[in-house]
Amino acid sequence: MKNVRNSLVYIFLGLASFVSIFPFFWMIIGITNTTQDITKGKFTFGNALMVNIRNLFDTTDIFGIFWNTSKIAIIGTLLSLLVTSMAAYGYELFRSRIRERIYTVVLLTMMIPFAALMIPLFRLIVRFGLLDTHMGIILPTIVNVFLIFFFRQSFKTFPREIIQAARIDGANEFQIFFTIVVPIMKSTYSAAAIYSFMANWNNYLWPLIVLQSSEKKTLTLMISSLSSAYFPDYGVIMVAIVIATLPMIIIFFMLQKHFVQGMLGSVKS
């Protein structure tokens, strides 16, 4: 019976691995084939890699678009980590009679779909003169309620004795936060950084609404415009998808160790 159960587990894991890996395999195969080969379902390597890369660089400003996406993702991630972690630190460390009520209301905002917030957000962005700017994309993504919840759960395991000792030594809250809390909780910050970077990097709907100039668009908008062409070149689209995917894969493997520790809520003491 145990052997049968183990076999079923291995079969399930094998199928799950195949379903997860197949899109990446097809993407790598696709960048070496022509549009005709891809539409025919060819699953072997071709010889059109350089042609697809040259066509992408000839038809798009890939360096400018990559820079736009990187700038939005990096600035948005850094500001989001700063704001959400400081908010979570305040919720966990400073006591008040209405603290939990306010925190509950903040968590409830997670239930509001983004589609319901688009119109008021758009009116705010227009009023502040941020339409068709990258800052107009970044600002609404800074306050992420899930990250506030995530940081607060990790702060619950933070040793209070360290903070009390720092206060007795005369350190103010900003010194305690930036010189003691942040270095100790680097695993939590790494996990949150990966989550925030992926969210900003893959953001599509909000940049589609805010950005109007072609020179300011992001990779997701560029891939969408390539896909919606009258005669889409799937080889070129595959190259663009690979370029859009590589930074996230590199960052994930760089922070993989800290990411696992951070998701487990561990605090290095």
Protein backbone atom coordinates (compact mmCIF):
# COMPACT_ATOMS: atom_id res chain seq x y z
CA MET A 1 0.00 0.00 0.00
CA LYS A 2 2.86 2.33 0.86
CA ASN A 3 4.51 1.66 -2.51
CA VAL A 4 1.28 2.47 -4.35
CA ARG A 5 0.91 5.74 -2.43
CA ASN A 6 4.53 6.70 -3.16
CA SER A 7 4.04 5.88 -6.84
CA LEU A 8 0.96 8.10 -7.03
CA VAL A 9 2.88 10.91 -5.34
CA TYR A 10 5.77 10.58 -7.81
CA ILE A 11 3.35 10.50 -10.78
CA PHE A 12 1.61 13.64 -9.51
CA LEU A 13 4.91 15.43 -8.92
CA GLY A 14 6.12 14.39 -12.36
CA LEU A 15 2.99 15.75 -14.03
CA ALA A 16 3.16 18.98 -12.00
CA SER A 17 6.83 19.41 -12.96
CA PHE A 18 6.03 18.81 -16.64
CA VAL A 19 3.18 21.36 -16.60
CA SER A 20 5.45 23.91 -14.88
CA ILE A 21 8.51 23.40 -17.10
CA PHE A 22 6.79 22.97 -20.49
CA PRO A 23 6.02 26.70 -21.06
CA PHE A 24 9.70 27.56 -20.47
CA PHE A 25 10.80 24.73 -22.79
CA TRP A 26 8.38 25.90 -25.49
CA MET A 27 9.56 29.49 -25.03
CA ILE A 28 13.22 28.51 -25.52
CA ILE A 29 12.35 26.38 -28.54
CA GLY A 30 10.22 29.21 -29.95
CA ILE A 31 13.01 31.81 -30.06
CA THR A 32 14.93 29.59 -32.50
CA ASN A 33 12.03 28.99 -34.91
CA THR A 34 10.07 31.02 -37.41
CA THR A 35 6.42 31.98 -37.02
CA GLN A 36 5.42 29.23 -39.46
CA ASP A 37 7.30 26.58 -37.46
CA ILE A 38 5.76 27.75 -34.17
CA THR A 39 2.21 27.74 -35.53
CA LYS A 40 2.79 24.24 -36.90
CA GLY A 41 3.72 23.10 -33.38
CA LYS A 42 7.39 22.33 -34.04
CA PHE A 43 9.12 21.22 -30.83
CA THR A 44 12.72 21.02 -32.03
CA PHE A 45 15.37 23.73 -32.22
CA GLY A 46 15.49 25.77 -35.43
CA ASN A 47 18.02 28.19 -36.94
CA ALA A 48 16.07 31.47 -36.80
CA LEU A 49 17.42 32.73 -33.46
CA MET A 50 19.54 35.56 -34.84
CA VAL A 51 16.80 36.59 -37.30
CA ASN A 52 14.25 36.84 -34.48
CA ILE A 53 16.63 38.85 -32.28
CA ARG A 54 17.50 41.21 -35.16
CA ASN A 55 13.82 41.73 -36.02
CA LEU A 56 13.01 42.56 -32.38
CA PHE A 57 15.82 45.12 -32.14
CA ASP A 58 14.86 46.61 -35.53
CA THR A 59 11.15 47.00 -34.76
CA THR A 60 11.29 48.11 -31.10
CA ASP A 61 13.37 50.30 -28.79
CA ILE A 62 14.08 47.32 -26.58
CA PHE A 63 16.83 49.02 -24.55
CA GLY A 64 14.62 52.01 -23.73
CA ILE A 65 11.65 49.80 -22.89
CA PHE A 66 13.82 47.55 -20.72
CA TRP A 67 15.14 50.61 -18.89
CA ASN A 68 11.60 51.92 -18.33
CA THR A 69 10.49 48.59 -16.86
CA SER A 70 13.59 48.24 -14.68
CA LYS A 71 13.23 51.78 -13.34
CA ILE A 72 9.57 51.27 -12.43
CA ALA A 73 10.19 47.85 -10.84
CA ILE A 74 13.27 48.88 -8.82
CA ILE A 75 11.94 52.21 -7.52
CA GLY A 76 8.52 50.72 -6.84
CA THR A 77 10.05 47.80 -4.95
CA LEU A 78 12.35 49.96 -2.79
CA LEU A 79 9.60 52.42 -1.87
CA SER A 80 7.13 49.62 -1.22
CA LEU A 81 9.56 47.80 1.11
CA LEU A 82 10.25 51.02 3.01
CA VAL A 83 6.63 52.09 3.44
CA THR A 84 5.06 48.70 4.16
CA SER A 85 7.76 47.54 6.58
CA MET A 86 7.64 50.80 8.56
CA ALA A 87 3.83 50.57 8.68
CA ALA A 88 4.02 46.97 9.91
CA TYR A 89 6.66 47.95 12.50
CA GLY A 90 4.36 50.67 13.81
CA TYR A 91 1.34 48.37 13.95
CA GLU A 92 3.28 45.71 15.87
CA LEU A 93 5.48 47.76 18.21
CA PHE A 94 3.29 50.74 19.16
CA ARG A 95 0.17 49.93 21.15
CA SER A 96 -3.10 51.87 20.97
CA ARG A 97 -6.73 51.21 21.83
CA ILE A 98 -7.85 51.47 18.18
CA ARG A 99 -4.74 49.87 16.62
CA GLU A 100 -6.36 46.52 15.86
CA ARG A 101 -9.54 48.14 14.52
CA ILE A 102 -7.56 50.26 12.07
CA TYR A 103 -5.46 47.24 11.11
CA THR A 104 -8.63 45.22 10.44
CA VAL A 105 -9.98 47.97 8.18
CA VAL A 106 -6.64 48.04 6.31
CA LEU A 107 -6.77 44.27 5.80
CA LEU A 108 -10.35 44.48 4.55
CA THR A 109 -9.18 46.73 1.70
CA MET A 110 -7.51 43.61 0.26
CA MET A 111 -11.01 42.42 -0.65
CA ILE A 112 -11.60 45.40 -2.97
CA PRO A 113 -10.75 44.42 -6.57
CA PHE A 114 -8.36 46.69 -8.43
CA ALA A 115 -10.96 47.21 -11.17
CA ALA A 116 -13.12 49.09 -8.62
CA LEU A 117 -10.21 51.42 -7.77
CA MET A 118 -9.09 52.24 -11.29
CA ILE A 119 -11.38 55.21 -11.93
CA PRO A 120 -10.70 57.05 -8.61
CA LEU A 121 -6.98 56.33 -8.96
CA PHE A 122 -6.99 57.62 -12.52
CA ARG A 123 -8.74 60.85 -11.43
CA LEU A 124 -6.13 61.34 -8.69
CA ILE A 125 -3.26 60.76 -11.10
CA VAL A 126 -4.74 63.26 -13.56
CA ARG A 127 -5.31 65.85 -10.79
CA PHE A 128 -1.69 65.57 -9.61
CA GLY A 129 -0.40 65.92 -13.18
CA LEU A 130 1.12 62.43 -13.23
CA LEU A 131 -0.68 61.09 -16.29
CA ASP A 132 1.72 59.53 -18.80
CA THR A 133 4.55 59.44 -16.26
CA HIS A 134 6.34 56.53 -14.63
CA MET A 135 5.73 58.02 -11.18
CA GLY A 136 2.02 57.77 -11.90
CA ILE A 137 2.51 53.99 -12.19
CA ILE A 138 4.78 53.67 -9.15
CA LEU A 139 2.85 55.68 -6.52
CA PRO A 140 -0.33 53.51 -6.33
CA THR A 141 1.80 50.36 -5.94
CA ILE A 142 3.85 51.60 -2.97
CA VAL A 143 1.27 50.73 -0.29
CA ASN A 144 0.70 47.00 -0.56
CA VAL A 145 -1.60 45.66 2.16
CA PHE A 146 -0.40 42.09 1.76
CA LEU A 147 3.21 43.18 2.43
CA ILE A 148 2.09 45.08 5.56
CA PHE A 149 0.47 41.85 6.78
CA PHE A 150 3.55 39.83 5.76
CA PHE A 151 6.00 42.13 7.58
CA ARG A 152 3.83 42.31 10.70
CA GLN A 153 3.67 38.53 10.96
CA SER A 154 7.47 38.45 10.86
CA PHE A 155 7.81 41.27 13.39
CA LYS A 156 5.79 39.15 15.84
CA THR A 157 8.80 36.82 16.16
CA PHE A 158 11.35 39.63 16.50
CA PRO A 159 13.12 39.59 19.93
CA ARG A 160 11.70 42.52 21.92
CA GLU A 161 14.72 42.46 24.24
CA ILE A 162 16.94 43.83 21.45
CA ILE A 163 14.62 46.79 20.85
CA GLN A 164 14.28 47.51 24.58
CA ALA A 165 18.08 47.40 25.00
CA ALA A 166 18.53 49.84 22.11
CA ARG A 167 15.97 52.22 23.60
CA ILE A 168 17.72 52.10 26.97
CA ASP A 169 20.98 52.94 25.17
CA GLY A 170 19.32 56.07 23.81
CA ALA A 171 18.61 55.08 20.21
CA ASN A 172 15.51 56.61 18.63
CA GLU A 173 12.97 54.55 16.66
CA PHE A 174 14.45 55.39 13.25
CA GLN A 175 17.93 54.31 14.41
CA ILE A 176 16.50 51.08 15.85
CA PHE A 177 14.56 50.37 12.68
CA PHE A 178 17.31 51.01 10.12
CA THR A 179 20.39 49.80 12.06
CA ILE A 180 18.94 46.86 14.01
CA VAL A 181 15.60 45.65 12.63
CA VAL A 182 16.30 45.83 8.89
CA PRO A 183 19.68 43.96 8.97
CA ILE A 184 18.33 41.20 11.20
CA MET A 185 15.22 40.70 9.06
CA LYS A 186 16.99 40.60 5.70
CA SER A 187 15.38 37.24 4.85
CA THR A 188 11.92 38.74 5.25
CA TYR A 189 12.94 41.73 3.15
CA SER A 190 14.34 39.44 0.44
CA ALA A 191 11.07 37.48 0.20
CA ALA A 192 9.06 40.71 0.12
CA ALA A 193 11.44 42.19 -2.48
CA ILE A 194 10.91 39.25 -4.84
CA TYR A 195 7.12 39.50 -4.45
CA SER A 196 7.08 43.27 -4.97
CA PHE A 197 9.54 43.21 -7.89
CA MET A 198 7.51 40.53 -9.70
CA ALA A 199 4.29 42.48 -9.15
CA ASN A 200 5.82 45.70 -10.51
CA TRP A 201 7.66 43.97 -13.36
CA ASN A 202 4.55 42.10 -14.58
CA ASN A 203 2.16 45.00 -14.03
CA TYR A 204 0.09 45.41 -17.19
CA LEU A 205 -3.35 46.91 -16.59
CA TRP A 206 -2.33 50.06 -14.68
CA PRO A 207 0.53 51.04 -17.10
CA LEU A 208 -1.91 50.43 -19.97
CA ILE A 209 -4.24 53.07 -18.48
CA VAL A 210 -1.64 55.62 -17.35
CA LEU A 211 0.94 55.56 -20.15
CA GLN A 212 0.07 57.18 -23.47
CA SER A 213 3.49 57.76 -25.06
CA SER A 214 5.15 54.87 -26.88
CA GLU A 215 8.62 55.87 -25.61
CA LYS A 216 7.47 55.40 -21.99
CA LYS A 217 5.82 51.99 -22.31
CA THR A 218 6.97 48.86 -20.48
CA LEU A 219 7.85 45.32 -21.56
CA THR A 220 4.37 43.96 -20.86
CA LEU A 221 2.81 46.66 -23.05
CA MET A 222 5.38 46.01 -25.78
CA ILE A 223 4.68 42.25 -25.77
CA SER A 224 0.96 42.97 -25.87
CA SER A 225 1.36 45.30 -28.87
CA LEU A 226 3.49 42.68 -30.67
CA SER A 227 0.85 40.00 -30.01
CA SER A 228 -2.01 42.18 -31.23
CA ALA A 229 -0.35 42.98 -34.57
CA TYR A 230 -2.28 42.00 -37.71
CA PHE A 231 0.45 39.46 -38.58
CA PRO A 232 2.12 38.62 -35.24
CA ASP A 233 5.70 37.38 -35.49
CA TYR A 234 5.71 34.68 -32.83
CA GLY A 235 9.49 34.19 -33.00
CA VAL A 236 10.01 37.86 -32.13
CA ILE A 237 7.37 37.64 -29.39
CA MET A 238 9.18 34.66 -27.87
CA VAL A 239 12.46 36.61 -27.79
CA ALA A 240 10.70 39.52 -26.06
CA ILE A 241 9.17 37.13 -23.50
CA VAL A 242 12.59 35.61 -22.77
CA ILE A 243 14.08 39.09 -22.22
CA ALA A 244 11.16 39.93 -19.91
CA THR A 245 11.54 36.68 -17.96
CA LEU A 246 15.32 36.55 -17.43
CA PRO A 247 15.63 39.35 -14.79
CA MET A 248 13.02 37.71 -12.55
CA ILE A 249 14.72 34.31 -12.82
CA ILE A 250 18.13 35.84 -12.00
CA ILE A 251 16.78 37.77 -9.00
CA PHE A 252 14.92 34.72 -7.71
CA PHE A 253 18.01 32.50 -7.79
CA MET A 254 20.12 35.25 -6.22
CA LEU A 255 17.69 35.58 -3.29
CA GLN A 256 16.38 31.99 -3.23
CA LYS A 257 17.95 31.10 0.13
CA HIS A 258 16.66 34.23 1.85
CA PHE A 259 13.30 33.88 0.08
CA VAL A 260 12.62 30.46 1.65
CA GLN A 261 13.68 31.68 5.10
CA GLY A 262 11.58 34.81 4.71
CA MET A 263 8.46 32.89 3.69
CA LEU A 264 8.90 30.70 6.75
CA GLY A 265 8.96 33.83 8.91
CA SER A 266 12.35 33.10 10.41
CA VAL A 267 14.38 35.83 12.08
CA LYS A 268 18.16 35.55 12.13
CA SER A 269 19.28 36.33 15.64
